[in-house]
Every structure is written in C-alpha cells, then in structure tokens.
Amino acid sequence: MSATQENQANRIKRVNLSIRQVVWKEFEGLVPGRRKSAIVTKLIENEIERIKEAKWREELALSFHDMAKDEEYRKESVEWDALDAEEWPE
C-alpha cells in the first residue's frame, strides 16, 4: 500500500448511527468518552472480517459442491489421489 493509499485508509469519517438507547447507555457507562470511536471502529472492522470470511467459506463450499458434480473433474481427482499418495511415508 502506498503512503497516499495508507493516508486515505486512515482518514476519519464522521457518521451518524442509530443505536438503541439501552445499548448506548450501557456502552456510555462502560467506555470513557475518548475511547468510544476506537472501540466502535474495532467492532466494525472485526465484523467486516467475519462477513468476508463467511462469504469466502460459502464460495469455497459452492466450488467444492460444483466440482463434486463434475464427472470429468472426479475422474481427474481419482488420478491425482494415486499420485499424491506415492511419495508420502505411511
């Protein structure tokens, strides 16, 4: 990542969020004023990574499912199984 891209990625964007009042009151009582943004940012980053991984796993599972239905692929796979096992100690 170039310095310009990194600078743009770290810029602060002000947003207006709607949060249930009971949640905000508890959050406000637990987290000091200057830490709220950092904590919310970290929570969102973690959720983004979780969503990306879930999508990746779903795409991977669909690919394996598609390959399992492909007769030509299954034939090639059986050939590779024998080759893969040749050089491995038992």
C-alpha atoms as a PDB file:
ATOM      1  CA  MET A   1       0.000   0.000   0.000  1.00  0.00           C
ATOM      2  CA  SER A   2       1.425   3.356  -0.983  1.00  0.00           C
ATOM      3  CA  ALA A   3       1.735   6.201   1.505  1.00  0.00           C
ATOM      4  CA  THR A   4      -1.159   8.015  -0.179  1.00  0.00           C
ATOM      5  CA  GLN A   5      -3.411   4.955  -0.021  1.00  0.00           C
ATOM      6  CA  GLU A   6      -2.486   4.376   3.622  1.00  0.00           C
ATOM      7  CA  ASN A   7      -3.214   8.012   4.458  1.00  0.00           C
ATOM      8  CA  GLN A   8      -6.607   7.777   2.760  1.00  0.00           C
ATOM      9  CA  ALA A   9      -7.395   4.496   4.534  1.00  0.00           C
ATOM     10  CA  ASN A  10      -6.663   6.072   7.924  1.00  0.00           C
ATOM     11  CA  ARG A  11      -8.692   9.227   7.411  1.00  0.00           C
ATOM     12  CA  ILE A  12     -11.532   9.731   9.822  1.00  0.00           C
ATOM     13  CA  LYS A  13     -15.082   9.730   8.504  1.00  0.00           C
ATOM     14  CA  ARG A  14     -17.787  11.126  10.726  1.00  0.00           C
ATOM     15  CA  VAL A  15     -21.012   9.142  10.590  1.00  0.00           C
ATOM     16  CA  ASN A  16     -24.415   9.355  12.170  1.00  0.00           C
ATOM     17  CA  LEU A  17     -25.536   5.987  13.557  1.00  0.00           C
ATOM     18  CA  SER A  18     -28.780   4.940  15.151  1.00  0.00           C
ATOM     19  CA  ILE A  19     -28.252   2.760  18.215  1.00  0.00           C
ATOM     20  CA  ARG A  20     -30.885   1.547  20.622  1.00  0.00           C
ATOM     21  CA  GLN A  21     -30.899   3.822  23.646  1.00  0.00           C
ATOM     22  CA  VAL A  22     -30.465   0.998  26.163  1.00  0.00           C
ATOM     23  CA  VAL A  23     -27.355  -0.213  24.315  1.00  0.00           C
ATOM     24  CA  TRP A  24     -25.854   3.269  24.106  1.00  0.00           C
ATOM     25  CA  LYS A  25     -26.457   3.988  27.798  1.00  0.00           C
ATOM     26  CA  GLU A  26     -24.658   0.804  28.797  1.00  0.00           C
ATOM     27  CA  PHE A  27     -21.821   1.477  26.358  1.00  0.00           C
ATOM     28  CA  GLU A  28     -21.527   5.069  27.572  1.00  0.00           C
ATOM     29  CA  GLY A  29     -21.350   3.898  31.170  1.00  0.00           C
ATOM     30  CA  LEU A  30     -18.616   1.366  30.457  1.00  0.00           C
ATOM     31  CA  VAL A  31     -16.385   3.216  27.998  1.00  0.00           C
ATOM     32  CA  PRO A  32     -14.569   6.527  28.593  1.00  0.00           C
ATOM     33  CA  GLY A  33     -15.502   9.358  26.223  1.00  0.00           C
ATOM     34  CA  ARG A  34     -12.378   9.376  24.083  1.00  0.00           C
ATOM     35  CA  ARG A  35     -12.385   5.577  23.543  1.00  0.00           C
ATOM     36  CA  LYS A  36     -15.861   5.153  22.064  1.00  0.00           C
ATOM     37  CA  SER A  37     -14.871   5.784  18.434  1.00  0.00           C
ATOM     38  CA  ALA A  38     -11.877   3.459  18.638  1.00  0.00           C
ATOM     39  CA  ILE A  39     -13.989   0.664  20.111  1.00  0.00           C
ATOM     40  CA  VAL A  40     -16.806   1.081  17.576  1.00  0.00           C
ATOM     41  CA  THR A  41     -14.245   1.145  14.745  1.00  0.00           C
ATOM     42  CA  LYS A  42     -12.619  -2.053  16.008  1.00  0.00           C
ATOM     43  CA  LEU A  43     -16.005  -3.771  16.352  1.00  0.00           C
ATOM     44  CA  ILE A  44     -16.914  -2.816  12.781  1.00  0.00           C
ATOM     45  CA  GLU A  45     -13.523  -3.974  11.459  1.00  0.00           C
ATOM     46  CA  ASN A  46     -13.990  -7.334  13.196  1.00  0.00           C
ATOM     47  CA  GLU A  47     -17.493  -7.693  11.776  1.00  0.00           C
ATOM     48  CA  ILE A  48     -16.246  -6.854   8.268  1.00  0.00           C
ATOM     49  CA  GLU A  49     -13.599  -9.588   8.550  1.00  0.00           C
ATOM     50  CA  ARG A  50     -16.181 -12.067   9.864  1.00  0.00           C
ATOM     51  CA  ILE A  51     -18.532 -11.311   6.959  1.00  0.00           C
ATOM     52  CA  LYS A  52     -15.702 -11.572   4.397  1.00  0.00           C
ATOM     53  CA  GLU A  53     -14.600 -14.915   5.804  1.00  0.00           C
ATOM     54  CA  ALA A  54     -18.165 -16.241   5.844  1.00  0.00           C
ATOM     55  CA  LYS A  55     -18.580 -15.234   2.184  1.00  0.00           C
ATOM     56  CA  TRP A  56     -15.237 -16.827   1.282  1.00  0.00           C
ATOM     57  CA  ARG A  57     -16.206 -20.072   3.037  1.00  0.00           C
ATOM     58  CA  GLU A  58     -19.573 -20.080   1.263  1.00  0.00           C
ATOM     59  CA  GLU A  59     -17.908 -19.546  -2.132  1.00  0.00           C
ATOM     60  CA  LEU A  60     -15.399 -22.297  -1.366  1.00  0.00           C
ATOM     61  CA  ALA A  61     -18.148 -24.716  -0.342  1.00  0.00           C
ATOM     62  CA  LEU A  62     -20.100 -23.932  -3.537  1.00  0.00           C
ATOM     63  CA  SER A  63     -16.963 -24.525  -5.616  1.00  0.00           C
ATOM     64  CA  PHE A  64     -16.376 -27.908  -3.993  1.00  0.00           C
ATOM     65  CA  HIS A  65     -20.042 -28.763  -4.491  1.00  0.00           C
ATOM     66  CA  ASP A  66     -19.825 -27.829  -8.181  1.00  0.00           C
ATOM     67  CA  MET A  67     -16.627 -29.835  -8.610  1.00  0.00           C
ATOM     68  CA  ALA A  68     -18.214 -32.870  -6.966  1.00  0.00           C
ATOM     69  CA  LYS A  69     -20.985 -32.798  -9.594  1.00  0.00           C
ATOM     70  CA  ASP A  70     -18.465 -32.539 -12.461  1.00  0.00           C
ATOM     71  CA  GLU A  71     -17.811 -36.052 -13.792  1.00  0.00           C
ATOM     72  CA  GLU A  72     -14.619 -35.040 -15.638  1.00  0.00           C
ATOM     73  CA  TYR A  73     -13.200 -33.412 -12.513  1.00  0.00           C
ATOM     74  CA  ARG A  74     -13.966 -36.501 -10.422  1.00  0.00           C
ATOM     75  CA  LYS A  75     -12.111 -38.713 -12.881  1.00  0.00           C
ATOM     76  CA  GLU A  76      -9.071 -36.423 -12.778  1.00  0.00           C
ATOM     77  CA  SER A  77      -9.266 -36.243  -8.998  1.00  0.00           C
ATOM     78  CA  VAL A  78      -9.041 -40.024  -8.673  1.00  0.00           C
ATOM     79  CA  GLU A  79      -5.901 -39.994 -10.850  1.00  0.00           C
ATOM     80  CA  TRP A  80      -4.305 -37.301  -8.673  1.00  0.00           C
ATOM     81  CA  ASP A  81      -5.149 -39.188  -5.466  1.00  0.00           C
ATOM     82  CA  ALA A  82      -2.887 -42.030  -6.552  1.00  0.00           C
ATOM     83  CA  LEU A  83      -0.070 -39.625  -7.493  1.00  0.00           C
ATOM     84  CA  ASP A  84      -0.373 -37.657  -4.251  1.00  0.00           C
ATOM     85  CA  ALA A  85      -0.027 -40.785  -2.132  1.00  0.00           C
ATOM     86  CA  GLU A  86       3.066 -42.170  -3.938  1.00  0.00           C
ATOM     87  CA  GLU A  87       5.786 -40.156  -2.201  1.00  0.00           C
ATOM     88  CA  TRP A  88       4.306 -39.832   1.270  1.00  0.00           C
ATOM     89  CA  PRO A  89       5.515 -42.043   4.094  1.00  0.00           C
ATOM     90  CA  GLU A  90       2.835 -44.089   5.796  1.00  0.00           C
END
